[in-house]
Amino acid sequence: MSTSSIDKASTVEKTIDVDTLRLWLADDAELAVLDIRPSDEVGYASPLFATNIPADRLEAEIDRYVPRAVVRTVLVDGGDGVAQRLAERLAEAGRSEVHVLAGGIPEWTRNGTEDLPTFDVPGKDFSLGIRDERDTPSVSAAELKTLEDQGADVVVIDTRTLPEFTAGHVPGAVGVPGAELLLRFANVVPSPDTHVVVSCAGLPRAIIGAQTLIDSGVPNKVSYLHDGTRAWKEENLELETGATAVYAPVDHAAREAAAQRVETITANDTFPRIDVETAQAWAADPDRTTYLLDVRTPEEFEQGHVPGSITSEGGQLLGVSYRTIAVRGARVVLIDDLTGARAAVVSHWLQRRGFEIALLLHDFESGIAR
């Protein structure tokens, strides 16, 4: 057989059909599914809820998302053949387990999307399940406006990222990304009599944020704003723009309050605690993928972080984990400061989504981990 025939056979072998991908999504082996279409085409999430790395960035960024070259990886394109060419180049670079979904997204959705499996649990579906299970209280935009007009003691906490908050939020809201809620709560809401309304752009982060506060035992009345800023605009109400009110540095009293709430929310949670040496040994394990995710703010990460870790703002992990954790079945180490409030929030919810989680609490001033 000629070399060209061997190459052609190898290419055919690395192409899989829809039925095969369905089987792979249902097994327990490590799997990465990468949607390589342009980001503006993918939007919030593909039908697979897979990690989006556009084709023009894939070769430069794949090592960050899929650290081990031997992980079974499926490239999904728009049915334009781009995946095949990229798979061949990645194979030449030493990635021996890169496969292509024949026909791409058009073939995946050819018979509709109703019963299609997904790579990750869609954030909205997950949050609605939590809401229904816990009966999380809500208020409508009209109800919130009435409360404010009546001068009620109410504060709106927007749990999106600060750039999203800056782009537009309910007037008077305070920007506190979701994973920061327990750590910052005592500074943002000093009175137990204040009605706290948690908001985001729609539902997922607001529901999870509200239920986080409830599960942590805050004494306040807590609700989420149904449909968030979207509902506010649908009531013909104006959004406020700019970083008008965001969380401040955590004082000692707030950190002590956060530590108590961490104990409450984690009362039934059991996660192994590891040190830096163990985390780095796991990350170097040739037989298993491990992500070292620093769930503090990006600014804290820049000031100092554990070698080999990547910044992964905790609130985003809660809603769109597939954007960071591209390998299904990987171990996830959540890195936080010694209070562990951010890691507690993220692990409390991610465990419900099937992730294997360990915690690394690190004293970033002295370099001590526990």
Foldseek 3Di string as FASTA:
>chain_A
DDPVVVVVVLLVVQEDELVVVQVVLPDQAKEFEEEQDDDVVQDPHNLQLAAYDHLVCCVVCVCQQPVALAGQYEYAYQQPCSQSVVQVVSVVVPNVRYHYYHSGSCRNQVVHSPPRHHNFDALVVLLVVVCVVVVAAADELVRVVVCVVVVHQEAEEEQPDLVQVQAWFAPRHEYHHQLCCLLQVCVVDVDQAYEYEYAYQAPRSRSLSQVLCVQLPRSHRYHYHHGGPVRCVVVVHGTDHGNPHYGDDGDPVSLVSSLSSLCRNCVPPDAAEDELVVLVVLCVDNPAHEAEEEQDDPVVVVVDDRPPHDYDNLSCCSRSVSNRNRMPNHEYEYEEAQSCSSVSSNCSRVVVRPHRYHYWHAHRVVGDID
